All heavy atoms as atom14 arrays in JSON, in Angstrom:
{
  "sequence": "GFGYATHNGVHHKIPHVGHVEIENDVEIGANCAIDRAAVGVTRVGLG",
  "atom14_mask": [
    [1, 1, 1, 1, 0, 0, 0, 0, 0, 0, 0, 0, 0, 0],
    [1, 1, 1, 1, 1, 1, 1, 1, 1, 1, 1, 0, 0, 0],
    [1, 1, 1, 1, 0, 0, 0, 0, 0, 0, 0, 0, 0, 0],
    [1, 1, 1, 1, 1, 1, 1, 1, 1, 1, 1, 1, 0, 0],
    [1, 1, 1, 1, 1, 0, 0, 0, 0, 0, 0, 0, 0, 0],
    [1, 1, 1, 1, 1, 1, 1, 0, 0, 0, 0, 0, 0, 0],
    [1, 1, 1, 1, 1, 1, 1, 1, 1, 1, 0, 0, 0, 0],
    [1, 1, 1, 1, 1, 1, 1, 1, 0, 0, 0, 0, 0, 0],
    [1, 1, 1, 1, 0, 0, 0, 0, 0, 0, 0, 0, 0, 0],
    [1, 1, 1, 1, 1, 1, 1, 0, 0, 0, 0, 0, 0, 0],
    [1, 1, 1, 1, 1, 1, 1, 1, 1, 1, 0, 0, 0, 0],
    [1, 1, 1, 1, 1, 1, 1, 1, 1, 1, 0, 0, 0, 0],
    [1, 1, 1, 1, 1, 1, 1, 1, 1, 0, 0, 0, 0, 0],
    [1, 1, 1, 1, 1, 1, 1, 1, 0, 0, 0, 0, 0, 0],
    [1, 1, 1, 1, 1, 1, 1, 0, 0, 0, 0, 0, 0, 0],
    [1, 1, 1, 1, 1, 1, 1, 1, 1, 1, 0, 0, 0, 0],
    [1, 1, 1, 1, 1, 1, 1, 0, 0, 0, 0, 0, 0, 0],
    [1, 1, 1, 1, 0, 0, 0, 0, 0, 0, 0, 0, 0, 0],
    [1, 1, 1, 1, 1, 1, 1, 1, 1, 1, 0, 0, 0, 0],
    [1, 1, 1, 1, 1, 1, 1, 0, 0, 0, 0, 0, 0, 0],
    [1, 1, 1, 1, 1, 1, 1, 1, 1, 0, 0, 0, 0, 0],
    [1, 1, 1, 1, 1, 1, 1, 1, 0, 0, 0, 0, 0, 0],
    [1, 1, 1, 1, 1, 1, 1, 1, 1, 0, 0, 0, 0, 0],
    [1, 1, 1, 1, 1, 1, 1, 1, 0, 0, 0, 0, 0, 0],
    [1, 1, 1, 1, 1, 1, 1, 1, 0, 0, 0, 0, 0, 0],
    [1, 1, 1, 1, 1, 1, 1, 0, 0, 0, 0, 0, 0, 0],
    [1, 1, 1, 1, 1, 1, 1, 1, 1, 0, 0, 0, 0, 0],
    [1, 1, 1, 1, 1, 1, 1, 1, 0, 0, 0, 0, 0, 0],
    [1, 1, 1, 1, 0, 0, 0, 0, 0, 0, 0, 0, 0, 0],
    [1, 1, 1, 1, 1, 0, 0, 0, 0, 0, 0, 0, 0, 0],
    [1, 1, 1, 1, 1, 1, 1, 1, 0, 0, 0, 0, 0, 0],
    [1, 1, 1, 1, 1, 1, 0, 0, 0, 0, 0, 0, 0, 0],
    [1, 1, 1, 1, 1, 0, 0, 0, 0, 0, 0, 0, 0, 0],
    [1, 1, 1, 1, 1, 1, 1, 1, 0, 0, 0, 0, 0, 0],
    [1, 1, 1, 1, 1, 1, 1, 1, 0, 0, 0, 0, 0, 0],
    [1, 1, 1, 1, 1, 1, 1, 1, 1, 1, 1, 0, 0, 0],
    [1, 1, 1, 1, 1, 0, 0, 0, 0, 0, 0, 0, 0, 0],
    [1, 1, 1, 1, 1, 0, 0, 0, 0, 0, 0, 0, 0, 0],
    [1, 1, 1, 1, 1, 1, 1, 0, 0, 0, 0, 0, 0, 0],
    [1, 1, 1, 1, 0, 0, 0, 0, 0, 0, 0, 0, 0, 0],
    [1, 1, 1, 1, 1, 1, 1, 0, 0, 0, 0, 0, 0, 0],
    [1, 1, 1, 1, 1, 1, 1, 0, 0, 0, 0, 0, 0, 0],
    [1, 1, 1, 1, 1, 1, 1, 1, 1, 1, 1, 0, 0, 0],
    [1, 1, 1, 1, 1, 1, 1, 0, 0, 0, 0, 0, 0, 0],
    [1, 1, 1, 1, 0, 0, 0, 0, 0, 0, 0, 0, 0, 0],
    [1, 1, 1, 1, 1, 1, 1, 1, 0, 0, 0, 0, 0, 0],
    [1, 1, 1, 1, 0, 0, 0, 0, 0, 0, 0, 0, 0, 0]
  ],
  "atom14_positions": [
    [[6.35, -14.3, 6.53], [7.65, -14.77, 6.09], [8.07, -16.04, 6.82], [7.41, -16.49, 7.76], [0.0, 0.0, 0.0], [0.0, 0.0, 0.0], [0.0, 0.0, 0.0], [0.0, 0.0, 0.0], [0.0, 0.0, 0.0], [0.0, 0.0, 0.0], [0.0, 0.0, 0.0], [0.0, 0.0, 0.0], [0.0, 0.0, 0.0], [0.0, 0.0, 0.0]],
    [[9.18, -16.6, 6.37], [9.69, -17.85, 6.94], [10.55, -17.48, 8.14], [11.78, -17.41, 8.06], [10.49, -18.59, 5.87], [10.85, -20.0, 6.25], [9.88, -20.98, 6.33], [12.17, -20.35, 6.51], [10.21, -22.28, 6.66], [12.51, -21.65, 6.84], [11.53, -22.61, 6.92], [0.0, 0.0, 0.0], [0.0, 0.0, 0.0], [0.0, 0.0, 0.0]],
    [[9.9, -17.23, 9.27], [10.61, -16.78, 10.46], [10.26, -17.59, 11.68], [9.1, -17.61, 12.11], [0.0, 0.0, 0.0], [0.0, 0.0, 0.0], [0.0, 0.0, 0.0], [0.0, 0.0, 0.0], [0.0, 0.0, 0.0], [0.0, 0.0, 0.0], [0.0, 0.0, 0.0], [0.0, 0.0, 0.0], [0.0, 0.0, 0.0], [0.0, 0.0, 0.0]],
    [[11.28, -18.25, 12.27], [11.07, -19.09, 13.44], [12.26, -18.91, 14.39], [13.39, -18.72, 13.96], [10.95, -20.57, 13.06], [9.78, -20.84, 12.15], [9.91, -20.75, 10.77], [8.53, -21.18, 12.67], [8.83, -20.97, 9.92], [7.45, -21.41, 11.83], [7.61, -21.3, 10.46], [6.53, -21.52, 9.64], [0.0, 0.0, 0.0], [0.0, 0.0, 0.0]],
    [[11.98, -18.97, 15.65], [13.02, -18.98, 16.67], [13.12, -20.4, 17.21], [12.14, -20.93, 17.75], [12.69, -18.0, 17.79], [0.0, 0.0, 0.0], [0.0, 0.0, 0.0], [0.0, 0.0, 0.0], [0.0, 0.0, 0.0], [0.0, 0.0, 0.0], [0.0, 0.0, 0.0], [0.0, 0.0, 0.0], [0.0, 0.0, 0.0], [0.0, 0.0, 0.0]],
    [[14.29, -21.01, 17.04], [14.48, -22.38, 17.5], [14.95, -22.37, 18.95], [16.0, -21.8, 19.27], [15.49, -23.11, 16.61], [15.02, -23.08, 15.26], [15.66, -24.55, 17.06], [0.0, 0.0, 0.0], [0.0, 0.0, 0.0], [0.0, 0.0, 0.0], [0.0, 0.0, 0.0], [0.0, 0.0, 0.0], [0.0, 0.0, 0.0], [0.0, 0.0, 0.0]],
    [[14.17, -22.98, 19.81], [14.47, -22.99, 21.25], [14.25, -24.39, 21.78], [13.17, -24.97, 21.64], [13.55, -21.99, 21.99], [13.78, -21.95, 23.47], [14.92, -21.4, 24.03], [13.0, -22.38, 24.5], [14.83, -21.48, 25.33], [13.69, -22.09, 25.66], [0.0, 0.0, 0.0], [0.0, 0.0, 0.0], [0.0, 0.0, 0.0], [0.0, 0.0, 0.0]],
    [[15.31, -24.97, 22.37], [15.25, -26.32, 22.93], [14.75, -27.33, 21.88], [13.95, -28.21, 22.18], [14.35, -26.36, 24.17], [14.94, -25.62, 25.34], [16.18, -25.48, 25.44], [14.09, -25.12, 26.23], [0.0, 0.0, 0.0], [0.0, 0.0, 0.0], [0.0, 0.0, 0.0], [0.0, 0.0, 0.0], [0.0, 0.0, 0.0], [0.0, 0.0, 0.0]],
    [[15.23, -27.14, 20.65], [14.92, -28.1, 19.59], [13.56, -27.91, 18.95], [13.17, -28.72, 18.11], [0.0, 0.0, 0.0], [0.0, 0.0, 0.0], [0.0, 0.0, 0.0], [0.0, 0.0, 0.0], [0.0, 0.0, 0.0], [0.0, 0.0, 0.0], [0.0, 0.0, 0.0], [0.0, 0.0, 0.0], [0.0, 0.0, 0.0], [0.0, 0.0, 0.0]],
    [[12.84, -26.87, 19.33], [11.51, -26.63, 18.77], [11.53, -25.31, 18.0], [12.07, -24.31, 18.47], [10.44, -26.58, 19.87], [9.07, -26.27, 19.28], [10.41, -27.9, 20.63], [0.0, 0.0, 0.0], [0.0, 0.0, 0.0], [0.0, 0.0, 0.0], [0.0, 0.0, 0.0], [0.0, 0.0, 0.0], [0.0, 0.0, 0.0], [0.0, 0.0, 0.0]],
    [[10.91, -25.29, 16.79], [10.83, -24.1, 15.97], [9.56, -23.32, 16.34], [8.45, -23.77, 16.08], [10.79, -24.47, 14.49], [11.91, -25.37, 14.07], [13.23, -25.04, 14.26], [11.89, -26.59, 13.47], [13.99, -26.01, 13.78], [13.2, -26.97, 13.32], [0.0, 0.0, 0.0], [0.0, 0.0, 0.0], [0.0, 0.0, 0.0], [0.0, 0.0, 0.0]],
    [[9.74, -22.15, 16.92], [8.62, -21.33, 17.37], [8.37, -20.21, 16.37], [9.28, -19.42, 16.07], [8.92, -20.74, 18.75], [9.11, -21.77, 19.82], [8.07, -22.29, 20.56], [10.25, -22.4, 20.26], [8.55, -23.18, 21.42], [9.86, -23.27, 21.25], [0.0, 0.0, 0.0], [0.0, 0.0, 0.0], [0.0, 0.0, 0.0], [0.0, 0.0, 0.0]],
    [[7.15, -20.12, 15.88], [6.8, -19.13, 14.89], [6.94, -17.72, 15.46], [6.53, -17.43, 16.59], [5.37, -19.33, 14.4], [4.93, -18.36, 13.32], [3.52, -18.66, 12.85], [3.07, -17.66, 11.8], [3.88, -17.72, 10.57], [0.0, 0.0, 0.0], [0.0, 0.0, 0.0], [0.0, 0.0, 0.0], [0.0, 0.0, 0.0], [0.0, 0.0, 0.0]],
    [[7.52, -16.81, 14.64], [7.61, -15.4, 14.99], [6.46, -14.67, 14.31], [6.34, -14.68, 13.09], [8.95, -14.81, 14.52], [10.12, -15.55, 15.19], [9.01, -13.31, 14.82], [11.47, -15.15, 14.65], [0.0, 0.0, 0.0], [0.0, 0.0, 0.0], [0.0, 0.0, 0.0], [0.0, 0.0, 0.0], [0.0, 0.0, 0.0], [0.0, 0.0, 0.0]],
    [[5.58, -14.02, 15.06], [4.51, -13.25, 14.43], [5.09, -12.16, 13.52], [6.06, -11.48, 13.89], [3.76, -12.63, 15.62], [4.1, -13.5, 16.78], [5.5, -13.98, 16.54], [0.0, 0.0, 0.0], [0.0, 0.0, 0.0], [0.0, 0.0, 0.0], [0.0, 0.0, 0.0], [0.0, 0.0, 0.0], [0.0, 0.0, 0.0], [0.0, 0.0, 0.0]],
    [[4.53, -12.04, 12.34], [5.0, -11.04, 11.39], [4.06, -9.84, 11.45], [2.93, -9.9, 10.96], [5.07, -11.64, 9.99], [6.28, -12.48, 9.79], [6.55, -13.59, 10.56], [7.32, -12.37, 8.92], [7.7, -14.13, 10.17], [8.18, -13.4, 9.19], [0.0, 0.0, 0.0], [0.0, 0.0, 0.0], [0.0, 0.0, 0.0], [0.0, 0.0, 0.0]],
    [[4.53, -8.77, 12.05], [3.69, -7.61, 12.3], [3.96, -6.48, 11.31], [3.36, -5.41, 11.42], [3.88, -7.11, 13.74], [3.47, -8.18, 14.73], [5.33, -6.68, 14.0], [0.0, 0.0, 0.0], [0.0, 0.0, 0.0], [0.0, 0.0, 0.0], [0.0, 0.0, 0.0], [0.0, 0.0, 0.0], [0.0, 0.0, 0.0], [0.0, 0.0, 0.0]],
    [[4.85, -6.72, 10.34], [5.09, -5.73, 9.3], [4.08, -5.85, 8.17], [3.01, -6.43, 8.33], [0.0, 0.0, 0.0], [0.0, 0.0, 0.0], [0.0, 0.0, 0.0], [0.0, 0.0, 0.0], [0.0, 0.0, 0.0], [0.0, 0.0, 0.0], [0.0, 0.0, 0.0], [0.0, 0.0, 0.0], [0.0, 0.0, 0.0], [0.0, 0.0, 0.0]],
    [[4.43, -5.31, 7.01], [3.52, -5.38, 5.86], [4.32, -5.31, 4.57], [5.56, -5.3, 4.59], [2.49, -4.26, 5.93], [3.05, -2.87, 5.82], [3.74, -2.26, 6.85], [3.04, -1.98, 4.8], [4.12, -1.05, 6.47], [3.71, -0.86, 5.22], [0.0, 0.0, 0.0], [0.0, 0.0, 0.0], [0.0, 0.0, 0.0], [0.0, 0.0, 0.0]],
    [[3.62, -5.25, 3.44], [4.23, -5.14, 2.11], [3.76, -3.86, 1.46], [2.58, -3.5, 1.56], [3.86, -6.34, 1.22], [4.36, -6.13, -0.21], [4.41, -7.63, 1.79], [0.0, 0.0, 0.0], [0.0, 0.0, 0.0], [0.0, 0.0, 0.0], [0.0, 0.0, 0.0], [0.0, 0.0, 0.0], [0.0, 0.0, 0.0], [0.0, 0.0, 0.0]],
    [[4.69, -3.15, 0.8], [4.34, -1.99, 0.0], [4.81, -2.19, -1.43], [5.99, -2.45, -1.66], [4.96, -0.72, 0.59], [4.37, -0.3, 1.93], [4.91, 1.02, 2.43], [5.66, 1.68, 1.67], [4.58, 1.4, 3.57], [0.0, 0.0, 0.0], [0.0, 0.0, 0.0], [0.0, 0.0, 0.0], [0.0, 0.0, 0.0], [0.0, 0.0, 0.0]],
    [[3.87, -2.1, -2.35], [4.16, -2.2, -3.78], [4.0, -0.8, -4.36], [2.9, -0.22, -4.31], [3.2, -3.17, -4.49], [3.14, -4.52, -3.76], [3.6, -3.34, -5.95], [4.41, -5.31, -3.78], [0.0, 0.0, 0.0], [0.0, 0.0, 0.0], [0.0, 0.0, 0.0], [0.0, 0.0, 0.0], [0.0, 0.0, 0.0], [0.0, 0.0, 0.0]],
    [[5.05, -0.24, -4.93], [4.98, 1.13, -5.43], [4.31, 1.19, -6.81], [3.94, 0.16, -7.37], [6.38, 1.74, -5.46], [6.98, 1.88, -4.06], [8.34, 2.55, -4.04], [8.86, 2.88, -5.13], [8.89, 2.75, -2.93], [0.0, 0.0, 0.0], [0.0, 0.0, 0.0], [0.0, 0.0, 0.0], [0.0, 0.0, 0.0], [0.0, 0.0, 0.0]],
    [[4.18, 2.38, -7.35], [3.44, 2.59, -8.6], [4.06, 1.84, -9.78], [5.27, 1.64, -9.85], [3.4, 4.08, -8.95], [2.63, 4.9, -7.95], [1.91, 4.37, -7.11], [2.78, 6.22, -8.04], [0.0, 0.0, 0.0], [0.0, 0.0, 0.0], [0.0, 0.0, 0.0], [0.0, 0.0, 0.0], [0.0, 0.0, 0.0], [0.0, 0.0, 0.0]],
    [[3.2, 1.47, -10.73], [3.61, 0.95, -12.04], [4.4, -0.36, -11.95], [5.22, -0.66, -12.81], [4.43, 2.0, -12.8], [3.64, 3.27, -13.04], [2.56, 3.19, -13.65], [4.09, 4.35, -12.58], [0.0, 0.0, 0.0], [0.0, 0.0, 0.0], [0.0, 0.0, 0.0], [0.0, 0.0, 0.0], [0.0, 0.0, 0.0], [0.0, 0.0, 0.0]],
    [[4.12, -1.14, -10.93], [4.73, -2.46, -10.79], [3.82, -3.5, -11.45], [2.6, -3.41, -11.36], [4.95, -2.81, -9.3], [5.31, -4.28, -9.11], [6.03, -1.91, -8.71], [0.0, 0.0, 0.0], [0.0, 0.0, 0.0], [0.0, 0.0, 0.0], [0.0, 0.0, 0.0], [0.0, 0.0, 0.0], [0.0, 0.0, 0.0], [0.0, 0.0, 0.0]],
    [[4.42, -4.49, -12.1], [3.65, -5.64, -12.62], [4.26, -6.9, -12.03], [5.47, -7.11, -12.1], [3.65, -5.69, -14.13], [2.81, -6.85, -14.67], [2.4, -6.69, -16.12], [2.83, -5.71, -16.76], [1.64, -7.55, -16.62], [0.0, 0.0, 0.0], [0.0, 0.0, 0.0], [0.0, 0.0, 0.0], [0.0, 0.0, 0.0], [0.0, 0.0, 0.0]],
    [[3.4, -7.75, -11.47], [3.83, -8.98, -10.8], [3.17, -10.15, -11.52], [1.96, -10.15, -11.73], [3.43, -8.96, -9.32], [4.13, -7.79, -8.61], [3.78, -10.27, -8.63], [3.66, -7.55, -7.2], [0.0, 0.0, 0.0], [0.0, 0.0, 0.0], [0.0, 0.0, 0.0], [0.0, 0.0, 0.0], [0.0, 0.0, 0.0], [0.0, 0.0, 0.0]],
    [[3.97, -11.15, -11.88], [3.46, -12.28, -12.65], [2.61, -13.23, -11.83], [2.26, -12.97, -10.68], [0.0, 0.0, 0.0], [0.0, 0.0, 0.0], [0.0, 0.0, 0.0], [0.0, 0.0, 0.0], [0.0, 0.0, 0.0], [0.0, 0.0, 0.0], [0.0, 0.0, 0.0], [0.0, 0.0, 0.0], [0.0, 0.0, 0.0], [0.0, 0.0, 0.0]],
    [[2.31, -14.37, -12.43], [1.46, -15.36, -11.78], [2.25, -16.19, -10.77], [3.45, -16.43, -10.93], [0.85, -16.28, -12.83], [0.0, 0.0, 0.0], [0.0, 0.0, 0.0], [0.0, 0.0, 0.0], [0.0, 0.0, 0.0], [0.0, 0.0, 0.0], [0.0, 0.0, 0.0], [0.0, 0.0, 0.0], [0.0, 0.0, 0.0], [0.0, 0.0, 0.0]],
    [[1.55, -16.6, -9.71], [2.11, -17.53, -8.72], [3.37, -17.01, -8.05], [4.3, -17.76, -7.77], [2.38, -18.9, -9.37], [1.13, -19.55, -9.88], [0.22, -19.85, -9.12], [1.06, -19.76, -11.19], [0.0, 0.0, 0.0], [0.0, 0.0, 0.0], [0.0, 0.0, 0.0], [0.0, 0.0, 0.0], [0.0, 0.0, 0.0], [0.0, 0.0, 0.0]],
    [[3.39, -15.73, -7.78], [4.48, -15.14, -7.01], [4.08, -15.07, -5.54], [2.9, -15.13, -5.2], [4.81, -13.74, -7.52], [5.42, -13.72, -9.23], [0.0, 0.0, 0.0], [0.0, 0.0, 0.0], [0.0, 0.0, 0.0], [0.0, 0.0, 0.0], [0.0, 0.0, 0.0], [0.0, 0.0, 0.0], [0.0, 0.0, 0.0], [0.0, 0.0, 0.0]],
    [[5.09, -14.93, -4.67], [4.83, -14.82, -3.24], [5.75, -13.75, -2.67], [6.97, -13.85, -2.8], [5.06, -16.16, -2.53], [0.0, 0.0, 0.0], [0.0, 0.0, 0.0], [0.0, 0.0, 0.0], [0.0, 0.0, 0.0], [0.0, 0.0, 0.0], [0.0, 0.0, 0.0], [0.0, 0.0, 0.0], [0.0, 0.0, 0.0], [0.0, 0.0, 0.0]],
    [[5.15, -12.74, -2.06], [5.91, -11.64, -1.47], [5.59, -11.6, 0.02], [4.48, -11.25, 0.44], [5.55, -10.3, -2.15], [5.8, -10.41, -3.66], [6.36, -9.16, -1.54], [5.38, -9.18, -4.44], [0.0, 0.0, 0.0], [0.0, 0.0, 0.0], [0.0, 0.0, 0.0], [0.0, 0.0, 0.0], [0.0, 0.0, 0.0], [0.0, 0.0, 0.0]],
    [[6.57, -12.0, 0.84], [6.36, -12.1, 2.28], [6.22, -10.73, 2.93], [6.93, -9.78, 2.56], [7.55, -12.8, 2.94], [7.74, -14.24, 2.5], [6.85, -14.76, 1.81], [8.79, -14.81, 2.86], [0.0, 0.0, 0.0], [0.0, 0.0, 0.0], [0.0, 0.0, 0.0], [0.0, 0.0, 0.0], [0.0, 0.0, 0.0], [0.0, 0.0, 0.0]],
    [[5.35, -10.63, 3.93], [5.32, -9.44, 4.76], [6.53, -9.46, 5.68], [7.08, -10.52, 6.01], [4.02, -9.36, 5.56], [3.91, -10.34, 6.69], [2.51, -10.42, 7.29], [1.93, -9.14, 7.63], [0.93, -8.55, 6.95], [0.42, -9.14, 5.89], [0.46, -7.39, 7.33], [0.0, 0.0, 0.0], [0.0, 0.0, 0.0], [0.0, 0.0, 0.0]],
    [[6.97, -8.29, 6.1], [8.12, -8.2, 6.99], [7.73, -8.64, 8.39], [6.59, -8.48, 8.83], [8.62, -6.76, 7.02], [0.0, 0.0, 0.0], [0.0, 0.0, 0.0], [0.0, 0.0, 0.0], [0.0, 0.0, 0.0], [0.0, 0.0, 0.0], [0.0, 0.0, 0.0], [0.0, 0.0, 0.0], [0.0, 0.0, 0.0], [0.0, 0.0, 0.0]],
    [[8.71, -9.21, 9.1], [8.47, -9.52, 10.51], [8.21, -8.24, 11.27], [7.29, -8.14, 12.08], [9.67, -10.27, 11.09], [0.0, 0.0, 0.0], [0.0, 0.0, 0.0], [0.0, 0.0, 0.0], [0.0, 0.0, 0.0], [0.0, 0.0, 0.0], [0.0, 0.0, 0.0], [0.0, 0.0, 0.0], [0.0, 0.0, 0.0], [0.0, 0.0, 0.0]],
    [[9.04, -7.24, 11.02], [8.8, -5.87, 11.48], [9.19, -4.95, 10.33], [10.07, -5.27, 9.55], [9.62, -5.52, 12.74], [9.16, -6.33, 13.94], [11.11, -5.76, 12.5], [0.0, 0.0, 0.0], [0.0, 0.0, 0.0], [0.0, 0.0, 0.0], [0.0, 0.0, 0.0], [0.0, 0.0, 0.0], [0.0, 0.0, 0.0], [0.0, 0.0, 0.0]],
    [[8.53, -3.83, 10.19], [8.86, -2.92, 9.11], [8.16, -3.29, 7.82], [7.0, -3.7, 7.81], [0.0, 0.0, 0.0], [0.0, 0.0, 0.0], [0.0, 0.0, 0.0], [0.0, 0.0, 0.0], [0.0, 0.0, 0.0], [0.0, 0.0, 0.0], [0.0, 0.0, 0.0], [0.0, 0.0, 0.0], [0.0, 0.0, 0.0], [0.0, 0.0, 0.0]],
    [[8.88, -3.17, 6.69], [8.25, -3.24, 5.38], [9.05, -4.13, 4.43], [10.28, -4.07, 4.4], [8.14, -1.83, 4.75], [7.46, -1.89, 3.39], [7.4, -0.89, 5.68], [0.0, 0.0, 0.0], [0.0, 0.0, 0.0], [0.0, 0.0, 0.0], [0.0, 0.0, 0.0], [0.0, 0.0, 0.0], [0.0, 0.0, 0.0], [0.0, 0.0, 0.0]],
    [[8.35, -4.95, 3.67], [8.9, -5.55, 2.46], [8.46, -4.66, 1.31], [7.27, -4.36, 1.17], [8.36, -6.97, 2.25], [8.72, -7.78, 3.36], [8.9, -7.58, 0.97], [0.0, 0.0, 0.0], [0.0, 0.0, 0.0], [0.0, 0.0, 0.0], [0.0, 0.0, 0.0], [0.0, 0.0, 0.0], [0.0, 0.0, 0.0], [0.0, 0.0, 0.0]],
    [[9.39, -4.23, 0.45], [9.07, -3.21, -0.54], [9.45, -3.66, -1.95], [10.5, -4.28, -2.15], [9.8, -1.92, -0.21], [9.37, -0.71, -1.05], [10.19, 0.52, -0.68], [10.18, 0.8, 0.75], [9.2, 1.44, 1.38], [8.14, 1.85, 0.69], [9.27, 1.63, 2.68], [0.0, 0.0, 0.0], [0.0, 0.0, 0.0], [0.0, 0.0, 0.0]],
    [[8.59, -3.33, -2.91], [8.9, -3.5, -4.33], [8.82, -2.12, -4.97], [7.78, -1.46, -4.93], [7.93, -4.47, -5.02], [8.26, -4.58, -6.51], [8.0, -5.85, -4.35], [0.0, 0.0, 0.0], [0.0, 0.0, 0.0], [0.0, 0.0, 0.0], [0.0, 0.0, 0.0], [0.0, 0.0, 0.0], [0.0, 0.0, 0.0], [0.0, 0.0, 0.0]],
    [[9.92, -1.68, -5.57], [10.06, -0.29, -6.0], [9.35, 0.05, -7.3], [8.95, -0.82, -8.09], [0.0, 0.0, 0.0], [0.0, 0.0, 0.0], [0.0, 0.0, 0.0], [0.0, 0.0, 0.0], [0.0, 0.0, 0.0], [0.0, 0.0, 0.0], [0.0, 0.0, 0.0], [0.0, 0.0, 0.0], [0.0, 0.0, 0.0], [0.0, 0.0, 0.0]],
    [[9.24, 1.32, -7.52], [8.58, 1.91, -8.68], [8.98, 1.24, -9.99], [10.17, 1.11, -10.29], [8.94, 3.39, -8.74], [8.47, 4.19, -9.95], [6.98, 4.46, -9.87], [9.26, 5.5, -10.05], [0.0, 0.0, 0.0], [0.0, 0.0, 0.0], [0.0, 0.0, 0.0], [0.0, 0.0, 0.0], [0.0, 0.0, 0.0], [0.0, 0.0, 0.0]],
    [[7.99, 0.82, -10.76], [8.24, 0.35, -12.11], [8.89, -1.01, -12.24], [9.21, -1.43, -13.35], [0.0, 0.0, 0.0], [0.0, 0.0, 0.0], [0.0, 0.0, 0.0], [0.0, 0.0, 0.0], [0.0, 0.0, 0.0], [0.0, 0.0, 0.0], [0.0, 0.0, 0.0], [0.0, 0.0, 0.0], [0.0, 0.0, 0.0], [0.0, 0.0, 0.0]]
  ]
}
């Protein structure tokens, strides 16, 4: 994901240690982007 900690004028990348869960019967179109969570889960629900 787009996650940075700005310190002393510099943008420091935050490691993203979470993940993505896509539930059953989901359809995702072309050229989409689903970020992983910095911590925890990014989720797309059933159907």
